[in-house]
PDB file of N, CA and C in Angstrom:
ATOM      1  N   MET A   1       3.878 -11.480  -5.157  1.00  0.00           N
ATOM      2  CA  MET A   1       2.634 -11.672  -5.883  1.00  0.00           C
ATOM      3  C   MET A   1       1.500 -11.002  -5.097  1.00  0.00           C
ATOM      4  N   TRP A   2       0.673 -10.294  -5.801  1.00  0.00           N
ATOM      5  CA  TRP A   2      -0.448  -9.603  -5.174  1.00  0.00           C
ATOM      6  C   TRP A   2      -1.714  -9.876  -5.938  1.00  0.00           C
ATOM      7  N   PRO A   3      -2.803 -10.226  -5.292  1.00  0.00           N
ATOM      8  CA  PRO A   3      -2.866 -10.607  -3.885  1.00  0.00           C
ATOM      9  C   PRO A   3      -2.188 -11.956  -3.670  1.00  0.00           C
ATOM     10  N   PRO A   4      -1.766 -12.223  -2.436  1.00  0.00           N
ATOM     11  CA  PRO A   4      -1.057 -13.473  -2.176  1.00  0.00           C
ATOM     12  C   PRO A   4      -1.957 -14.684  -2.408  1.00  0.00           C
ATOM     13  N   GLU A   5      -1.347 -15.751  -2.916  1.00  0.00           N
ATOM     14  CA  GLU A   5      -2.106 -16.977  -3.159  1.00  0.00           C
ATOM     15  C   GLU A   5      -2.268 -17.794  -1.892  1.00  0.00           C
ATOM     16  N   ARG A   6      -1.331 -17.613  -0.948  1.00  0.00           N
ATOM     17  CA  ARG A   6      -1.380 -18.363   0.304  1.00  0.00           C
ATOM     18  C   ARG A   6      -1.445 -17.395   1.473  1.00  0.00           C
ATOM     19  N   VAL A   7      -1.797 -17.929   2.619  1.00  0.00           N
ATOM     20  CA  VAL A   7      -1.772 -17.145   3.852  1.00  0.00           C
ATOM     21  C   VAL A   7      -0.311 -16.910   4.220  1.00  0.00           C
ATOM     22  N   ILE A   8       0.032 -15.659   4.519  1.00  0.00           N
ATOM     23  CA  ILE A   8       1.403 -15.337   4.907  1.00  0.00           C
ATOM     24  C   ILE A   8       1.408 -14.963   6.388  1.00  0.00           C
ATOM     25  N   ILE A   9       2.062 -15.808   7.164  1.00  0.00           N
ATOM     26  CA  ILE A   9       2.221 -15.555   8.593  1.00  0.00           C
ATOM     27  C   ILE A   9       3.578 -14.909   8.828  1.00  0.00           C
ATOM     28  N   ALA A  10       4.596 -15.482   8.223  1.00  0.00           N
ATOM     29  CA  ALA A  10       5.954 -14.940   8.261  1.00  0.00           C
ATOM     30  C   ALA A  10       6.534 -15.149   6.871  1.00  0.00           C
ATOM     31  N   PRO A  11       6.863 -14.084   6.151  1.00  0.00           N
ATOM     32  CA  PRO A  11       7.359 -14.224   4.783  1.00  0.00           C
ATOM     33  C   PRO A  11       8.561 -15.163   4.709  1.00  0.00           C
ATOM     34  N   ALA A  12       8.467 -16.147   3.796  1.00  0.00           N
ATOM     35  CA  ALA A  12       9.510 -17.167   3.705  1.00  0.00           C
ATOM     36  C   ALA A  12      10.313 -17.099   2.406  1.00  0.00           C
ATOM     37  N   ASN A  13       9.872 -16.271   1.455  1.00  0.00           N
ATOM     38  CA  ASN A  13      10.592 -16.183   0.186  1.00  0.00           C
ATOM     39  C   ASN A  13      10.407 -14.779  -0.396  1.00  0.00           C
ATOM     40  N   ALA A  14      11.068 -14.529  -1.498  1.00  0.00           N
ATOM     41  CA  ALA A  14      11.055 -13.183  -2.091  1.00  0.00           C
ATOM     42  C   ALA A  14       9.643 -12.741  -2.475  1.00  0.00           C
ATOM     43  N   GLY A  15       8.837 -13.644  -3.018  1.00  0.00           N
ATOM     44  CA  GLY A  15       7.477 -13.294  -3.408  1.00  0.00           C
ATOM     45  C   GLY A  15       6.616 -12.909  -2.215  1.00  0.00           C
ATOM     46  N   GLU A  16       6.762 -13.644  -1.126  1.00  0.00           N
ATOM     47  CA  GLU A  16       5.992 -13.330   0.077  1.00  0.00           C
ATOM     48  C   GLU A  16       6.467 -12.029   0.712  1.00  0.00           C
ATOM     49  N   ARG A  17       7.777 -11.775   0.673  1.00  0.00           N
ATOM     50  CA  ARG A  17       8.279 -10.506   1.203  1.00  0.00           C
ATOM     51  C   ARG A  17       7.776  -9.330   0.368  1.00  0.00           C
ATOM     52  N   GLU A  18       7.680  -9.520  -0.947  1.00  0.00           N
ATOM     53  CA  GLU A  18       7.155  -8.453  -1.807  1.00  0.00           C
ATOM     54  C   GLU A  18       5.674  -8.214  -1.512  1.00  0.00           C
ATOM     55  N   ALA A  19       4.912  -9.288  -1.292  1.00  0.00           N
ATOM     56  CA  ALA A  19       3.502  -9.131  -0.921  1.00  0.00           C
ATOM     57  C   ALA A  19       3.382  -8.382   0.402  1.00  0.00           C
ATOM     58  N   MET A  20       4.266  -8.691   1.340  1.00  0.00           N
ATOM     59  CA  MET A  20       4.241  -8.007   2.634  1.00  0.00           C
ATOM     60  C   MET A  20       4.584  -6.528   2.459  1.00  0.00           C
ATOM     61  N   ARG A  21       5.555  -6.218   1.586  1.00  0.00           N
ATOM     62  CA  ARG A  21       5.887  -4.808   1.319  1.00  0.00           C
ATOM     63  C   ARG A  21       4.697  -4.083   0.685  1.00  0.00           C
ATOM     64  N   THR A  22       3.974  -4.751  -0.187  1.00  0.00           N
ATOM     65  CA  THR A  22       2.790  -4.142  -0.798  1.00  0.00           C
ATOM     66  C   THR A  22       1.747  -3.840   0.278  1.00  0.00           C
ATOM     67  N   ALA A  23       1.549  -4.770   1.193  1.00  0.00           N
ATOM     68  CA  ALA A  23       0.614  -4.540   2.298  1.00  0.00           C
ATOM     69  C   ALA A  23       1.090  -3.375   3.164  1.00  0.00           C
ATOM     70  N   GLN A  24       2.377  -3.347   3.450  1.00  0.00           N
ATOM     71  CA  GLN A  24       2.917  -2.260   4.271  1.00  0.00           C
ATOM     72  C   GLN A  24       2.761  -0.912   3.580  1.00  0.00           C
ATOM     73  N   ARG A  25       2.933  -0.899   2.278  1.00  0.00           N
ATOM     74  CA  ARG A  25       2.748   0.341   1.506  1.00  0.00           C
ATOM     75  C   ARG A  25       1.301   0.815   1.638  1.00  0.00           C
ATOM     76  N   ALA A  26       0.353  -0.129   1.529  1.00  0.00           N
ATOM     77  CA  ALA A  26      -1.068   0.230   1.652  1.00  0.00           C
ATOM     78  C   ALA A  26      -1.390   0.721   3.066  1.00  0.00           C
ATOM     79  N   LEU A  27      -0.670   0.189   4.049  1.00  0.00           N
ATOM     80  CA  LEU A  27      -0.882   0.598   5.437  1.00  0.00           C
ATOM     81  C   LEU A  27      -0.077   1.840   5.811  1.00  0.00           C
ATOM     82  N   LYS A  28       0.706   2.329   4.857  1.00  0.00           N
ATOM     83  CA  LYS A  28       1.583   3.490   5.081  1.00  0.00           C
ATOM     84  C   LYS A  28       2.580   3.229   6.213  1.00  0.00           C
ATOM     85  N   LEU A  29       3.176   2.046   6.152  1.00  0.00           N
ATOM     86  CA  LEU A  29       4.194   1.625   7.106  1.00  0.00           C
ATOM     87  C   LEU A  29       5.533   1.484   6.387  1.00  0.00           C
ATOM     88  N   PRO A  30       6.638   1.464   7.136  1.00  0.00           N
ATOM     89  CA  PRO A  30       7.934   1.204   6.499  1.00  0.00           C
ATOM     90  C   PRO A  30       7.897  -0.144   5.776  1.00  0.00           C
ATOM     91  N   GLU A  31       8.407  -0.164   4.556  1.00  0.00           N
ATOM     92  CA  GLU A  31       8.353  -1.362   3.709  1.00  0.00           C
ATOM     93  C   GLU A  31       9.539  -2.276   4.004  1.00  0.00           C
ATOM     94  N   THR A  32       9.427  -3.054   5.072  1.00  0.00           N
ATOM     95  CA  THR A  32      10.499  -3.954   5.473  1.00  0.00           C
ATOM     96  C   THR A  32      10.370  -5.339   4.845  1.00  0.00           C
ATOM     97  N   GLY A  33       9.163  -5.723   4.487  1.00  0.00           N
ATOM     98  CA  GLY A  33       8.930  -7.069   3.975  1.00  0.00           C
ATOM     99  C   GLY A  33       8.811  -8.101   5.081  1.00  0.00           C
ATOM    100  N   ASP A  34       8.890  -7.658   6.328  1.00  0.00           N
ATOM    101  CA  ASP A  34       8.791  -8.556   7.481  1.00  0.00           C
ATOM    102  C   ASP A  34       7.452  -8.369   8.179  1.00  0.00           C
ATOM    103  N   MET A  35       7.031  -9.399   8.895  1.00  0.00           N
ATOM    104  CA  MET A  35       5.825  -9.296   9.719  1.00  0.00           C
ATOM    105  C   MET A  35       6.252  -8.757  11.082  1.00  0.00           C
ATOM    106  N   ASP A  36       6.309  -7.437  11.175  1.00  0.00           N
ATOM    107  CA  ASP A  36       6.724  -6.798  12.423  1.00  0.00           C
ATOM    108  C   ASP A  36       5.475  -6.400  13.223  1.00  0.00           C
ATOM    109  N   PRO A  37       5.645  -5.932  14.467  1.00  0.00           N
ATOM    110  CA  PRO A  37       4.475  -5.591  15.289  1.00  0.00           C
ATOM    111  C   PRO A  37       3.558  -4.534  14.650  1.00  0.00           C
ATOM    112  N   ALA A  38       4.119  -3.550  13.975  1.00  0.00           N
ATOM    113  CA  ALA A  38       3.287  -2.520  13.351  1.00  0.00           C
ATOM    114  C   ALA A  38       2.450  -3.111  12.213  1.00  0.00           C
ATOM    115  N   THR A  39       3.053  -3.994  11.425  1.00  0.00           N
ATOM    116  CA  THR A  39       2.330  -4.630  10.321  1.00  0.00           C
ATOM    117  C   THR A  39       1.221  -5.523  10.866  1.00  0.00           C
ATOM    118  N   LEU A  40       1.530  -6.292  11.888  1.00  0.00           N
ATOM    119  CA  LEU A  40       0.546  -7.163  12.519  1.00  0.00           C
ATOM    120  C   LEU A  40      -0.646  -6.337  13.022  1.00  0.00           C
ATOM    121  N   ALA A  41      -0.367  -5.233  13.691  1.00  0.00           N
ATOM    122  CA  ALA A  41      -1.437  -4.364  14.196  1.00  0.00           C
ATOM    123  C   ALA A  41      -2.239  -3.756  13.042  1.00  0.00           C
ATOM    124  N   GLY A  42      -1.543  -3.339  11.979  1.00  0.00           N
ATOM    125  CA  GLY A  42      -2.233  -2.760  10.831  1.00  0.00           C
ATOM    126  C   GLY A  42      -3.145  -3.756  10.144  1.00  0.00           C
ATOM    127  N   LEU A  43      -2.655  -4.983   9.963  1.00  0.00           N
ATOM    128  CA  LEU A  43      -3.481  -6.016   9.336  1.00  0.00           C
ATOM    129  C   LEU A  43      -4.700  -6.322  10.192  1.00  0.00           C
ATOM    130  N   ARG A  44      -4.508  -6.406  11.493  1.00  0.00           N
ATOM    131  CA  ARG A  44      -5.642  -6.662  12.388  1.00  0.00           C
ATOM    132  C   ARG A  44      -6.665  -5.520  12.316  1.00  0.00           C
ATOM    133  N   GLY A  45      -6.180  -4.293  12.226  1.00  0.00           N
ATOM    134  CA  GLY A  45      -7.085  -3.159  12.118  1.00  0.00           C
ATOM    135  C   GLY A  45      -7.917  -3.197  10.849  1.00  0.00           C
ATOM    136  N   VAL A  46      -7.287  -3.521   9.731  1.00  0.00           N
ATOM    137  CA  VAL A  46      -8.008  -3.627   8.458  1.00  0.00           C
ATOM    138  C   VAL A  46      -9.012  -4.767   8.526  1.00  0.00           C
ATOM    139  N   GLN A  47      -8.602  -5.884   9.102  1.00  0.00           N
ATOM    140  CA  GLN A  47      -9.517  -7.021   9.213  1.00  0.00           C
ATOM    141  C   GLN A  47     -10.740  -6.648  10.046  1.00  0.00           C
ATOM    142  N   ALA A  48     -10.536  -5.948  11.155  1.00  0.00           N
ATOM    143  CA  ALA A  48     -11.665  -5.529  11.990  1.00  0.00           C
ATOM    144  C   ALA A  48     -12.560  -4.546  11.230  1.00  0.00           C
ATOM    145  N   LEU A  49     -11.937  -3.587  10.530  1.00  0.00           N
ATOM    146  CA  LEU A  49     -12.689  -2.582   9.784  1.00  0.00           C
ATOM    147  C   LEU A  49     -13.605  -3.220   8.743  1.00  0.00           C
ATOM    148  N   PHE A  50     -13.096  -4.258   8.062  1.00  0.00           N
ATOM    149  CA  PHE A  50     -13.869  -4.905   6.996  1.00  0.00           C
ATOM    150  C   PHE A  50     -14.615  -6.147   7.472  1.00  0.00           C
ATOM    151  N   LYS A  51     -14.682  -6.316   8.820  1.00  0.00           N
ATOM    152  CA  LYS A  51     -15.426  -7.428   9.415  1.00  0.00           C
ATOM    153  C   LYS A  51     -14.939  -8.792   8.923  1.00  0.00           C
ATOM    154  N   LEU A  52     -13.615  -8.897   8.799  1.00  0.00           N
ATOM    155  CA  LEU A  52     -12.969 -10.167   8.467  1.00  0.00           C
ATOM    156  C   LEU A  52     -12.508 -10.813   9.766  1.00  0.00           C
ATOM    157  N   PRO A  53     -12.225 -12.118   9.756  1.00  0.00           N
ATOM    158  CA  PRO A  53     -11.640 -12.715  10.955  1.00  0.00           C
ATOM    159  C   PRO A  53     -10.341 -11.981  11.313  1.00  0.00           C
ATOM    160  N   VAL A  54     -10.211 -11.557  12.545  1.00  0.00           N
ATOM    161  CA  VAL A  54      -9.043 -10.786  12.980  1.00  0.00           C
ATOM    162  C   VAL A  54      -7.939 -11.758  13.377  1.00  0.00           C
ATOM    163  N   THR A  55      -7.081 -12.050  12.404  1.00  0.00           N
ATOM    164  CA  THR A  55      -6.003 -13.029  12.586  1.00  0.00           C
ATOM    165  C   THR A  55      -4.626 -12.383  12.574  1.00  0.00           C
ATOM    166  N   GLY A  56      -4.506 -11.239  11.916  1.00  0.00           N
ATOM    167  CA  GLY A  56      -3.212 -10.587  11.781  1.00  0.00           C
ATOM    168  C   GLY A  56      -2.340 -11.186  10.705  1.00  0.00           C
ATOM    169  N   VAL A  57      -2.859 -12.132   9.933  1.00  0.00           N
ATOM    170  CA  VAL A  57      -2.076 -12.704   8.838  1.00  0.00           C
ATOM    171  C   VAL A  57      -2.487 -12.035   7.526  1.00  0.00           C
ATOM    172  N   LEU A  58      -1.616 -12.111   6.555  1.00  0.00           N
ATOM    173  CA  LEU A  58      -1.919 -11.559   5.235  1.00  0.00           C
ATOM    174  C   LEU A  58      -2.474 -12.686   4.374  1.00  0.00           C
ATOM    175  N   ASP A  59      -3.765 -12.618   4.113  1.00  0.00           N
ATOM    176  CA  ASP A  59      -4.428 -13.594   3.263  1.00  0.00           C
ATOM    177  C   ASP A  59      -5.154 -12.851   2.147  1.00  0.00           C
ATOM    178  N   ARG A  60      -5.753 -13.593   1.256  1.00  0.00           N
ATOM    179  CA  ARG A  60      -6.404 -12.975   0.093  1.00  0.00           C
ATOM    180  C   ARG A  60      -7.511 -11.994   0.498  1.00  0.00           C
ATOM    181  N   PRO A  61      -8.447 -12.351   1.415  1.00  0.00           N
ATOM    182  CA  PRO A  61      -9.482 -11.377   1.789  1.00  0.00           C
ATOM    183  C   PRO A  61      -8.893 -10.092   2.390  1.00  0.00           C
ATOM    184  N   THR A  62      -7.837 -10.229   3.172  1.00  0.00           N
ATOM    185  CA  THR A  62      -7.207  -9.041   3.753  1.00  0.00           C
ATOM    186  C   THR A  62      -6.535  -8.218   2.664  1.00  0.00           C
ATOM    187  N   ALA A  63      -5.882  -8.881   1.718  1.00  0.00           N
ATOM    188  CA  ALA A  63      -5.249  -8.170   0.606  1.00  0.00           C
ATOM    189  C   ALA A  63      -6.295  -7.412  -0.212  1.00  0.00           C
ATOM    190  N   GLU A  64      -7.436  -8.035  -0.451  1.00  0.00           N
ATOM    191  CA  GLU A  64      -8.502  -7.364  -1.201  1.00  0.00           C
ATOM    192  C   GLU A  64      -9.033  -6.161  -0.427  1.00  0.00           C
ATOM    193  N   ALA A  65      -9.117  -6.282   0.902  1.00  0.00           N
ATOM    194  CA  ALA A  65      -9.538  -5.139   1.721  1.00  0.00           C
ATOM    195  C   ALA A  65      -8.500  -4.023   1.640  1.00  0.00           C
ATOM    196  N   LEU A  66      -7.226  -4.373   1.680  1.00  0.00           N
ATOM    197  CA  LEU A  66      -6.167  -3.371   1.554  1.00  0.00           C
ATOM    198  C   LEU A  66      -6.259  -2.658   0.211  1.00  0.00           C
ATOM    199  N   ASP A  67      -6.571  -3.392  -0.848  1.00  0.00           N
ATOM    200  CA  ASP A  67      -6.720  -2.774  -2.168  1.00  0.00           C
ATOM    201  C   ASP A  67      -7.835  -1.731  -2.164  1.00  0.00           C
ATOM    202  N   ARG A  68      -8.878  -1.979  -1.401  1.00  0.00           N
ATOM    203  CA  ARG A  68      -9.983  -1.021  -1.343  1.00  0.00           C
ATOM    204  C   ARG A  68      -9.564   0.268  -0.647  1.00  0.00           C
ATOM    205  N   LEU A  69      -8.506   0.204   0.160  1.00  0.00           N
ATOM    206  CA  LEU A  69      -8.005   1.392   0.868  1.00  0.00           C
ATOM    207  C   LEU A  69      -7.005   2.196   0.043  1.00  0.00           C
ATOM    208  N   ARG A  70      -6.401   1.548  -0.969  1.00  0.00           N
ATOM    209  CA  ARG A  70      -5.353   2.212  -1.741  1.00  0.00           C
ATOM    210  C   ARG A  70      -5.960   3.023  -2.876  1.00  0.00           C
ATOM    211  N   PRO A  71      -5.318   4.141  -3.214  1.00  0.00           N
ATOM    212  CA  PRO A  71      -5.799   4.922  -4.369  1.00  0.00           C
ATOM    213  C   PRO A  71      -5.707   4.085  -5.648  1.00  0.00           C
ATOM    214  N   PRO A  72      -6.591   4.320  -6.601  1.00  0.00           N
ATOM    215  CA  PRO A  72      -6.575   3.544  -7.846  1.00  0.00           C
ATOM    216  C   PRO A  72      -5.219   3.523  -8.548  1.00  0.00           C
ATOM    217  N   SER A  73      -4.451   4.603  -8.433  1.00  0.00           N
ATOM    218  CA  SER A  73      -3.158   4.652  -9.113  1.00  0.00           C
ATOM    219  C   SER A  73      -2.150   3.670  -8.539  1.00  0.00           C
ATOM    220  N   LEU A  74      -2.399   3.160  -7.318  1.00  0.00           N
ATOM    221  CA  LEU A  74      -1.480   2.215  -6.684  1.00  0.00           C
ATOM    222  C   LEU A  74      -1.983   0.780  -6.700  1.00  0.00           C
ATOM    223  N   ARG A  75      -3.112   0.543  -7.313  1.00  0.00           N
ATOM    224  CA  ARG A  75      -3.679  -0.816  -7.359  1.00  0.00           C
ATOM    225  C   ARG A  75      -3.094  -1.597  -8.522  1.00  0.00           C
ATOM    226  N   GLY A  76      -3.213  -2.906  -8.419  1.00  0.00           N
ATOM    227  CA  GLY A  76      -2.818  -3.791  -9.520  1.00  0.00           C
ATOM    228  C   GLY A  76      -1.338  -3.831  -9.776  1.00  0.00           C
ATOM    229  N   GLU A  77      -0.553  -3.813  -8.721  1.00  0.00           N
ATOM    230  CA  GLU A  77       0.908  -3.839  -8.886  1.00  0.00           C
ATOM    231  C   GLU A  77       1.385  -5.215  -9.259  1.00  0.00           C
TER     232      GLU A  77
END
C-alpha cells in the first residue's frame, strides 16, 4: 500500500514489503522489499532533504517526500 498507513521499521507482511519496494524504486535502489543498510541511508537522506525527523523509517511524510522525487509517470502506484 502506498503511501503506507503505518510506520514501517522492518516489513512484516506482503503489503509492507511492497511499500518498501516502492520506496526503493523511488530511491533507485535494488527492490528487495527489506530494510537494508542502503534503504535506511536513502530514507534518512530524503528525510534530511525535506527537513523531516531523520528516523530512517518509512512513514507517511517520508513516502510523500519520496513521491515528490519520482517522475509523475511513476506516482500513484
